Amino acid sequence: MDDTDSDIQAVEASLAQALDLIADGEDRRANILLDHGIKKLRLLSVGAHRLPALRLWALTLSAQEEWEQALLKYEQILSVSPDDEDALWQSAQILLRSLERPEPALTLLAERLLPLHRAPEYEEALRECEAALGIPRPLSTYPQKIPDNQTS
């Protein structure tokens, strides 16, 4: 393991500790840890460990509820790895739930994420987008109820 690996692991540990502090209501202490982590990630994001550093940076920004900035980090990941399923999913969730922008979330889900993998949570998020935009679902997508007189 090289120094960069241990730096990444140290930032991961700091992020986990900060999340625990946030859960305990100690936001100020958590933000100090998160800010120190971001300083390290700035340096790590230009080297061989760019993708893991960008992913951690995005998670750190999400923990700070810096949604637009987190989205930018996921976009940087996607510029290097366009089919990165986690970056696509995290971006869709930020757009839909945190920024309340269902239209770009729907586009991301329908055009990029679902063609890669049709996971139930992705399909549910797509339905959530459609509902937020007032897009009716075709009747064929609803579960069919068997009439009571036809059951054995």
N, C-alpha and C. Protein backbone atom coordinates (compact mmCIF):
# COMPACT_ATOMS: atom_id res chain seq x y z
N MET A 1 0.86 -1.18 0.00
CA MET A 1 0.00 0.00 0.00
C MET A 1 0.90 1.24 0.00
N ASP A 2 0.61 2.18 -0.91
CA ASP A 2 1.42 3.39 -0.96
C ASP A 2 0.80 4.50 -0.10
N ASP A 3 1.49 5.64 -0.05
CA ASP A 3 1.01 6.75 0.78
C ASP A 3 -0.34 7.27 0.33
N THR A 4 -0.58 7.25 -0.99
CA THR A 4 -1.85 7.74 -1.50
C THR A 4 -3.00 6.87 -1.04
N ASP A 5 -2.80 5.55 -1.04
CA ASP A 5 -3.83 4.64 -0.53
C ASP A 5 -4.15 4.94 0.92
N SER A 6 -3.11 5.14 1.71
CA SER A 6 -3.36 5.43 3.14
C SER A 6 -4.00 6.80 3.31
N ASP A 7 -3.68 7.76 2.43
CA ASP A 7 -4.34 9.08 2.48
C ASP A 7 -5.83 8.93 2.18
N ILE A 8 -6.16 8.14 1.17
CA ILE A 8 -7.56 7.90 0.82
C ILE A 8 -8.28 7.25 2.00
N GLN A 9 -7.66 6.24 2.59
CA GLN A 9 -8.27 5.56 3.73
C GLN A 9 -8.44 6.50 4.92
N ALA A 10 -7.49 7.41 5.12
CA ALA A 10 -7.59 8.36 6.22
C ALA A 10 -8.78 9.31 6.00
N VAL A 11 -8.97 9.73 4.75
CA VAL A 11 -10.11 10.61 4.44
C VAL A 11 -11.43 9.84 4.62
N GLU A 12 -11.46 8.58 4.19
CA GLU A 12 -12.65 7.75 4.40
C GLU A 12 -12.99 7.64 5.89
N ALA A 13 -11.96 7.43 6.71
CA ALA A 13 -12.18 7.31 8.16
C ALA A 13 -12.67 8.63 8.73
N SER A 14 -12.12 9.74 8.26
CA SER A 14 -12.57 11.06 8.72
C SER A 14 -14.01 11.33 8.32
N LEU A 15 -14.37 10.91 7.11
CA LEU A 15 -15.74 11.08 6.65
C LEU A 15 -16.70 10.27 7.53
N ALA A 16 -16.33 9.03 7.82
CA ALA A 16 -17.18 8.19 8.68
C ALA A 16 -17.32 8.82 10.07
N GLN A 17 -16.23 9.34 10.61
CA GLN A 17 -16.27 9.98 11.92
C GLN A 17 -17.15 11.23 11.87
N ALA A 18 -17.02 12.01 10.79
CA ALA A 18 -17.83 13.22 10.64
C ALA A 18 -19.31 12.88 10.55
N LEU A 19 -19.65 11.82 9.84
CA LEU A 19 -21.06 11.41 9.75
C LEU A 19 -21.60 11.02 11.12
N ASP A 20 -20.77 10.35 11.91
CA ASP A 20 -21.18 10.01 13.29
C ASP A 20 -21.41 11.28 14.11
N LEU A 21 -20.52 12.26 13.94
CA LEU A 21 -20.67 13.52 14.67
C LEU A 21 -21.95 14.26 14.25
N ILE A 22 -22.24 14.23 12.96
CA ILE A 22 -23.47 14.87 12.46
C ILE A 22 -24.68 14.19 13.08
N ALA A 23 -24.65 12.86 13.13
CA ALA A 23 -25.76 12.11 13.73
C ALA A 23 -25.92 12.45 15.21
N ASP A 24 -24.82 12.79 15.86
CA ASP A 24 -24.85 13.16 17.28
C ASP A 24 -25.13 14.65 17.50
N GLY A 25 -25.36 15.38 16.40
CA GLY A 25 -25.67 16.80 16.52
C GLY A 25 -24.45 17.70 16.69
N GLU A 26 -23.28 17.17 16.44
CA GLU A 26 -22.05 17.96 16.58
C GLU A 26 -21.57 18.42 15.21
N ASP A 27 -22.38 19.27 14.59
CA ASP A 27 -22.12 19.71 13.21
C ASP A 27 -20.82 20.50 13.08
N ARG A 28 -20.51 21.34 14.05
CA ARG A 28 -19.31 22.18 13.95
C ARG A 28 -18.06 21.31 13.90
N ARG A 29 -17.97 20.33 14.80
CA ARG A 29 -16.81 19.44 14.80
C ARG A 29 -16.76 18.61 13.51
N ALA A 30 -17.93 18.19 13.05
CA ALA A 30 -18.01 17.40 11.82
C ALA A 30 -17.51 18.22 10.63
N ASN A 31 -17.92 19.47 10.54
CA ASN A 31 -17.51 20.31 9.42
C ASN A 31 -16.01 20.58 9.41
N ILE A 32 -15.40 20.66 10.59
CA ILE A 32 -13.94 20.83 10.64
C ILE A 32 -13.27 19.60 10.03
N LEU A 33 -13.74 18.40 10.41
CA LEU A 33 -13.19 17.18 9.83
C LEU A 33 -13.42 17.12 8.32
N LEU A 34 -14.62 17.48 7.89
CA LEU A 34 -14.94 17.43 6.46
C LEU A 34 -14.09 18.42 5.67
N ASP A 35 -13.89 19.62 6.22
CA ASP A 35 -13.06 20.62 5.53
C ASP A 35 -11.61 20.15 5.40
N HIS A 36 -11.08 19.51 6.45
CA HIS A 36 -9.71 18.97 6.38
C HIS A 36 -9.64 17.87 5.32
N GLY A 37 -10.67 17.05 5.25
CA GLY A 37 -10.70 16.00 4.24
C GLY A 37 -10.71 16.57 2.83
N ILE A 38 -11.47 17.63 2.62
CA ILE A 38 -11.53 18.26 1.29
C ILE A 38 -10.16 18.80 0.89
N LYS A 39 -9.44 19.37 1.83
CA LYS A 39 -8.09 19.87 1.53
C LYS A 39 -7.20 18.75 1.02
N LYS A 40 -7.27 17.59 1.66
CA LYS A 40 -6.48 16.44 1.20
C LYS A 40 -6.96 15.95 -0.16
N LEU A 41 -8.29 15.93 -0.34
CA LEU A 41 -8.85 15.42 -1.59
C LEU A 41 -8.50 16.31 -2.78
N ARG A 42 -8.35 17.60 -2.55
CA ARG A 42 -7.92 18.50 -3.64
C ARG A 42 -6.60 18.03 -4.22
N LEU A 43 -5.68 17.64 -3.36
CA LEU A 43 -4.37 17.17 -3.81
C LEU A 43 -4.45 15.79 -4.45
N LEU A 44 -5.27 14.93 -3.87
CA LEU A 44 -5.38 13.56 -4.37
C LEU A 44 -6.13 13.46 -5.69
N SER A 45 -6.98 14.44 -5.98
CA SER A 45 -7.84 14.34 -7.16
C SER A 45 -7.11 14.61 -8.48
N VAL A 46 -5.84 14.94 -8.42
CA VAL A 46 -5.09 15.18 -9.65
C VAL A 46 -4.11 14.05 -9.98
N GLY A 47 -4.06 13.05 -9.14
CA GLY A 47 -3.11 11.96 -9.35
C GLY A 47 -3.77 10.70 -9.86
N ALA A 48 -3.08 9.61 -9.64
CA ALA A 48 -3.55 8.31 -10.10
C ALA A 48 -4.83 7.87 -9.41
N HIS A 49 -5.10 8.41 -8.25
CA HIS A 49 -6.29 8.04 -7.48
C HIS A 49 -7.41 9.06 -7.68
N ARG A 50 -7.47 9.62 -8.87
CA ARG A 50 -8.43 10.69 -9.14
C ARG A 50 -9.88 10.28 -8.88
N LEU A 51 -10.31 9.15 -9.43
CA LEU A 51 -11.72 8.75 -9.28
C LEU A 51 -12.11 8.48 -7.84
N PRO A 52 -11.32 7.72 -7.07
CA PRO A 52 -11.70 7.54 -5.66
C PRO A 52 -11.70 8.86 -4.88
N ALA A 53 -10.76 9.74 -5.21
CA ALA A 53 -10.71 11.04 -4.52
C ALA A 53 -11.92 11.89 -4.88
N LEU A 54 -12.31 11.91 -6.15
CA LEU A 54 -13.49 12.68 -6.56
C LEU A 54 -14.76 12.12 -5.92
N ARG A 55 -14.84 10.78 -5.84
CA ARG A 55 -16.01 10.15 -5.24
C ARG A 55 -16.11 10.52 -3.75
N LEU A 56 -15.00 10.45 -3.05
CA LEU A 56 -14.99 10.84 -1.64
C LEU A 56 -15.31 12.32 -1.46
N TRP A 57 -14.80 13.13 -2.37
CA TRP A 57 -15.06 14.57 -2.32
C TRP A 57 -16.56 14.83 -2.50
N ALA A 58 -17.18 14.13 -3.44
CA ALA A 58 -18.62 14.28 -3.66
C ALA A 58 -19.41 13.84 -2.43
N LEU A 59 -19.00 12.73 -1.82
CA LEU A 59 -19.68 12.27 -0.60
C LEU A 59 -19.51 13.26 0.54
N THR A 60 -18.33 13.84 0.64
CA THR A 60 -18.07 14.83 1.68
C THR A 60 -18.95 16.06 1.47
N LEU A 61 -19.04 16.52 0.24
CA LEU A 61 -19.89 17.68 -0.06
C LEU A 61 -21.36 17.36 0.20
N SER A 62 -21.76 16.13 -0.08
CA SER A 62 -23.14 15.72 0.21
C SER A 62 -23.39 15.74 1.72
N ALA A 63 -22.42 15.29 2.49
CA ALA A 63 -22.56 15.31 3.94
C ALA A 63 -22.72 16.74 4.46
N GLN A 64 -22.11 17.69 3.74
CA GLN A 64 -22.22 19.10 4.10
C GLN A 64 -23.45 19.75 3.47
N GLU A 65 -24.23 18.95 2.75
CA GLU A 65 -25.43 19.41 2.03
C GLU A 65 -25.09 20.49 1.01
N GLU A 66 -23.93 20.36 0.40
CA GLU A 66 -23.49 21.22 -0.70
C GLU A 66 -23.83 20.48 -2.00
N TRP A 67 -25.13 20.42 -2.30
CA TRP A 67 -25.62 19.56 -3.37
C TRP A 67 -25.09 19.93 -4.74
N GLU A 68 -25.07 21.21 -5.07
CA GLU A 68 -24.59 21.63 -6.40
C GLU A 68 -23.11 21.27 -6.57
N GLN A 69 -22.32 21.49 -5.52
CA GLN A 69 -20.90 21.16 -5.58
C GLN A 69 -20.69 19.65 -5.68
N ALA A 70 -21.48 18.88 -4.94
CA ALA A 70 -21.38 17.42 -5.03
C ALA A 70 -21.72 16.95 -6.45
N LEU A 71 -22.76 17.55 -7.02
CA LEU A 71 -23.16 17.20 -8.38
C LEU A 71 -22.02 17.48 -9.37
N LEU A 72 -21.32 18.58 -9.17
CA LEU A 72 -20.17 18.89 -10.03
C LEU A 72 -19.08 17.84 -9.93
N LYS A 73 -18.84 17.33 -8.74
CA LYS A 73 -17.82 16.28 -8.57
C LYS A 73 -18.26 15.00 -9.28
N TYR A 74 -19.54 14.67 -9.18
CA TYR A 74 -20.02 13.49 -9.90
C TYR A 74 -19.92 13.70 -11.41
N GLU A 75 -20.14 14.92 -11.87
CA GLU A 75 -19.97 15.22 -13.29
C GLU A 75 -18.51 15.05 -13.71
N GLN A 76 -17.58 15.40 -12.82
CA GLN A 76 -16.16 15.19 -13.14
C GLN A 76 -15.86 13.69 -13.25
N ILE A 77 -16.44 12.89 -12.37
CA ILE A 77 -16.25 11.44 -12.46
C ILE A 77 -16.79 10.94 -13.80
N LEU A 78 -17.98 11.43 -14.18
CA LEU A 78 -18.61 10.98 -15.43
C LEU A 78 -17.85 11.46 -16.66
N SER A 79 -17.11 12.55 -16.54
CA SER A 79 -16.31 13.00 -17.68
C SER A 79 -15.14 12.05 -17.94
N VAL A 80 -14.69 11.36 -16.90
CA VAL A 80 -13.61 10.39 -17.03
C VAL A 80 -14.16 9.00 -17.31
N SER A 81 -15.28 8.67 -16.65
CA SER A 81 -15.88 7.34 -16.74
C SER A 81 -17.39 7.51 -16.97
N PRO A 82 -17.82 7.73 -18.24
CA PRO A 82 -19.21 8.07 -18.54
C PRO A 82 -20.26 7.06 -18.07
N ASP A 83 -19.89 5.80 -17.89
CA ASP A 83 -20.85 4.78 -17.48
C ASP A 83 -20.70 4.39 -16.01
N ASP A 84 -20.13 5.27 -15.21
CA ASP A 84 -19.95 4.98 -13.79
C ASP A 84 -21.32 4.96 -13.13
N GLU A 85 -21.79 3.75 -12.83
CA GLU A 85 -23.16 3.56 -12.34
C GLU A 85 -23.41 4.31 -11.02
N ASP A 86 -22.45 4.27 -10.11
CA ASP A 86 -22.63 4.94 -8.83
C ASP A 86 -22.73 6.46 -9.02
N ALA A 87 -21.89 7.03 -9.86
CA ALA A 87 -21.93 8.48 -10.09
C ALA A 87 -23.25 8.89 -10.75
N LEU A 88 -23.73 8.06 -11.67
CA LEU A 88 -25.02 8.35 -12.31
C LEU A 88 -26.15 8.29 -11.28
N TRP A 89 -26.14 7.27 -10.43
CA TRP A 89 -27.19 7.10 -9.43
C TRP A 89 -27.16 8.22 -8.40
N GLN A 90 -25.98 8.54 -7.91
CA GLN A 90 -25.86 9.62 -6.92
C GLN A 90 -26.32 10.95 -7.53
N SER A 91 -25.96 11.19 -8.78
CA SER A 91 -26.38 12.42 -9.47
C SER A 91 -27.91 12.48 -9.58
N ALA A 92 -28.51 11.36 -9.98
CA ALA A 92 -29.96 11.32 -10.12
C ALA A 92 -30.65 11.59 -8.78
N GLN A 93 -30.12 10.99 -7.71
CA GLN A 93 -30.71 11.19 -6.39
C GLN A 93 -30.59 12.65 -5.93
N ILE A 94 -29.43 13.24 -6.17
CA ILE A 94 -29.25 14.66 -5.79
C ILE A 94 -30.22 15.52 -6.57
N LEU A 95 -30.31 15.30 -7.87
CA LEU A 95 -31.22 16.11 -8.69
C LEU A 95 -32.66 15.95 -8.24
N LEU A 96 -33.08 14.71 -8.01
CA LEU A 96 -34.48 14.45 -7.68
C LEU A 96 -34.84 14.85 -6.26
N ARG A 97 -34.07 14.41 -5.30
CA ARG A 97 -34.49 14.56 -3.90
C ARG A 97 -33.91 15.80 -3.22
N SER A 98 -32.67 16.13 -3.48
CA SER A 98 -32.04 17.23 -2.76
C SER A 98 -32.29 18.57 -3.45
N LEU A 99 -32.18 18.59 -4.77
CA LEU A 99 -32.38 19.84 -5.51
C LEU A 99 -33.80 19.98 -6.05
N GLU A 100 -34.58 18.90 -5.93
CA GLU A 100 -35.97 18.89 -6.40
C GLU A 100 -36.07 19.34 -7.86
N ARG A 101 -35.23 18.70 -8.70
CA ARG A 101 -35.23 18.97 -10.14
C ARG A 101 -35.50 17.65 -10.87
N PRO A 102 -36.80 17.25 -10.91
CA PRO A 102 -37.12 15.93 -11.46
C PRO A 102 -36.86 15.79 -12.96
N GLU A 103 -36.94 16.87 -13.71
CA GLU A 103 -36.77 16.73 -15.17
C GLU A 103 -35.37 16.26 -15.55
N PRO A 104 -34.29 16.92 -15.07
CA PRO A 104 -32.97 16.39 -15.42
C PRO A 104 -32.71 15.03 -14.78
N ALA A 105 -33.30 14.75 -13.62
CA ALA A 105 -33.16 13.44 -13.00
C ALA A 105 -33.79 12.37 -13.89
N LEU A 106 -34.97 12.66 -14.42
CA LEU A 106 -35.67 11.73 -15.31
C LEU A 106 -34.81 11.44 -16.54
N THR A 107 -34.25 12.48 -17.14
CA THR A 107 -33.41 12.30 -18.32
C THR A 107 -32.20 11.43 -18.00
N LEU A 108 -31.56 11.71 -16.89
CA LEU A 108 -30.39 10.94 -16.47
C LEU A 108 -30.74 9.47 -16.25
N LEU A 109 -31.85 9.24 -15.57
CA LEU A 109 -32.28 7.87 -15.30
C LEU A 109 -32.66 7.14 -16.59
N ALA A 110 -33.49 7.78 -17.40
CA ALA A 110 -34.03 7.11 -18.59
C ALA A 110 -32.98 6.90 -19.68
N GLU A 111 -32.11 7.88 -19.85
CA GLU A 111 -31.19 7.83 -20.99
C GLU A 111 -29.82 7.24 -20.66
N ARG A 112 -29.43 7.29 -19.39
CA ARG A 112 -28.06 6.85 -19.08
C ARG A 112 -28.00 5.71 -18.08
N LEU A 113 -28.78 5.79 -17.01
CA LEU A 113 -28.63 4.80 -15.94
C LEU A 113 -29.41 3.51 -16.22
N LEU A 114 -30.70 3.64 -16.55
CA LEU A 114 -31.50 2.44 -16.79
C LEU A 114 -31.00 1.60 -17.97
N PRO A 115 -30.47 2.19 -19.04
CA PRO A 115 -29.90 1.34 -20.09
C PRO A 115 -28.70 0.49 -19.61
N LEU A 116 -28.02 0.95 -18.56
CA LEU A 116 -26.90 0.18 -18.00
C LEU A 116 -27.38 -0.96 -17.12
N HIS A 117 -28.43 -0.66 -16.32
CA HIS A 117 -28.88 -1.63 -15.31
C HIS A 117 -30.29 -1.27 -14.88
N ARG A 118 -31.20 -2.20 -14.97
CA ARG A 118 -32.60 -1.95 -14.62
C ARG A 118 -32.88 -2.37 -13.18
N ALA A 119 -32.21 -1.72 -12.24
CA ALA A 119 -32.41 -2.03 -10.82
C ALA A 119 -33.75 -1.48 -10.36
N PRO A 120 -34.42 -2.17 -9.44
CA PRO A 120 -35.73 -1.71 -8.95
C PRO A 120 -35.69 -0.29 -8.38
N GLU A 121 -34.61 0.06 -7.67
CA GLU A 121 -34.55 1.41 -7.11
C GLU A 121 -34.42 2.49 -8.19
N TYR A 122 -33.80 2.15 -9.31
CA TYR A 122 -33.70 3.10 -10.42
C TYR A 122 -35.08 3.29 -11.07
N GLU A 123 -35.80 2.18 -11.24
CA GLU A 123 -37.14 2.27 -11.82
C GLU A 123 -38.09 3.03 -10.90
N GLU A 124 -37.96 2.82 -9.60
CA GLU A 124 -38.79 3.56 -8.63
C GLU A 124 -38.48 5.06 -8.68
N ALA A 125 -37.22 5.40 -8.80
CA ALA A 125 -36.85 6.82 -8.92
C ALA A 125 -37.41 7.42 -10.20
N LEU A 126 -37.40 6.65 -11.28
CA LEU A 126 -37.99 7.12 -12.53
C LEU A 126 -39.48 7.40 -12.36
N ARG A 127 -40.19 6.50 -11.69
CA ARG A 127 -41.62 6.72 -11.42
C ARG A 127 -41.83 7.94 -10.54
N GLU A 128 -40.93 8.15 -9.60
CA GLU A 128 -41.01 9.33 -8.73
C GLU A 128 -40.84 10.62 -9.56
N CYS A 129 -39.93 10.59 -10.51
CA CYS A 129 -39.73 11.74 -11.42
C CYS A 129 -41.00 11.99 -12.23
N GLU A 130 -41.53 10.91 -12.80
CA GLU A 130 -42.74 11.03 -13.62
C GLU A 130 -43.89 11.60 -12.81
N ALA A 131 -44.03 11.14 -11.58
CA ALA A 131 -45.12 11.65 -10.73
C ALA A 131 -44.91 13.12 -10.41
N ALA A 132 -43.67 13.52 -10.14
CA ALA A 132 -43.39 14.92 -9.83
C ALA A 132 -43.65 15.83 -11.03
N LEU A 133 -43.47 15.27 -12.22
CA LEU A 133 -43.68 16.05 -13.44
C LEU A 133 -45.10 15.92 -13.98
N GLY A 134 -45.93 15.09 -13.33
CA GLY A 134 -47.31 14.90 -13.77
C GLY A 134 -47.43 14.07 -15.03
N ILE A 135 -46.44 13.20 -15.25
CA ILE A 135 -46.47 12.32 -16.42
C ILE A 135 -47.24 11.07 -16.05
N PRO A 136 -48.38 10.81 -16.71
CA PRO A 136 -49.15 9.60 -16.36
C PRO A 136 -48.43 8.34 -16.83
N ARG A 137 -48.54 7.31 -16.03
CA ARG A 137 -47.97 6.02 -16.40
C ARG A 137 -49.00 5.26 -17.23
N PRO A 138 -48.57 4.55 -18.26
CA PRO A 138 -49.50 3.72 -19.02
C PRO A 138 -50.10 2.65 -18.11
N LEU A 139 -51.35 2.31 -18.36
CA LEU A 139 -52.02 1.30 -17.52
C LEU A 139 -51.28 -0.02 -17.51
N SER A 140 -50.57 -0.34 -18.56
CA SER A 140 -49.87 -1.63 -18.62
C SER A 140 -48.74 -1.70 -17.59
N THR A 141 -48.30 -0.58 -17.04
CA THR A 141 -47.21 -0.62 -16.06
C THR A 141 -47.71 -0.84 -14.64
N TYR A 142 -49.03 -0.75 -14.43
CA TYR A 142 -49.59 -0.98 -13.10
C TYR A 142 -49.82 -2.47 -12.90
N PRO A 143 -49.63 -2.97 -11.68
CA PRO A 143 -49.92 -4.40 -11.44
C PRO A 143 -51.40 -4.68 -11.71
N GLN A 144 -51.66 -5.80 -12.32
CA GLN A 144 -53.03 -6.17 -12.65
C GLN A 144 -53.67 -6.88 -11.46
N LYS A 145 -54.85 -6.45 -11.07
CA LYS A 145 -55.58 -7.10 -9.98
C LYS A 145 -56.46 -8.18 -10.60
N ILE A 146 -56.40 -9.35 -10.01
CA ILE A 146 -57.23 -10.46 -10.47
C ILE A 146 -58.59 -10.31 -9.81
N PRO A 147 -59.67 -10.29 -10.60
CA PRO A 147 -61.00 -10.20 -9.99
C PRO A 147 -61.22 -11.35 -9.02
N ASP A 148 -61.98 -11.06 -7.94
CA ASP A 148 -62.21 -12.04 -6.89
C ASP A 148 -62.86 -13.32 -7.39
N ASN A 149 -63.75 -13.23 -8.39
CA ASN A 149 -64.46 -14.42 -8.87
C ASN A 149 -63.58 -15.31 -9.75
N GLN A 150 -62.36 -14.86 -10.10
CA GLN A 150 -61.48 -15.67 -10.95
C GLN A 150 -60.36 -16.34 -10.17
N THR A 151 -60.34 -16.16 -8.85
CA THR A 151 -59.29 -16.81 -8.06
C THR A 151 -59.76 -18.19 -7.64
N SER A 152 -58.84 -19.12 -7.50
CA SER A 152 -59.19 -20.49 -7.12
C SER A 152 -58.92 -20.72 -5.66
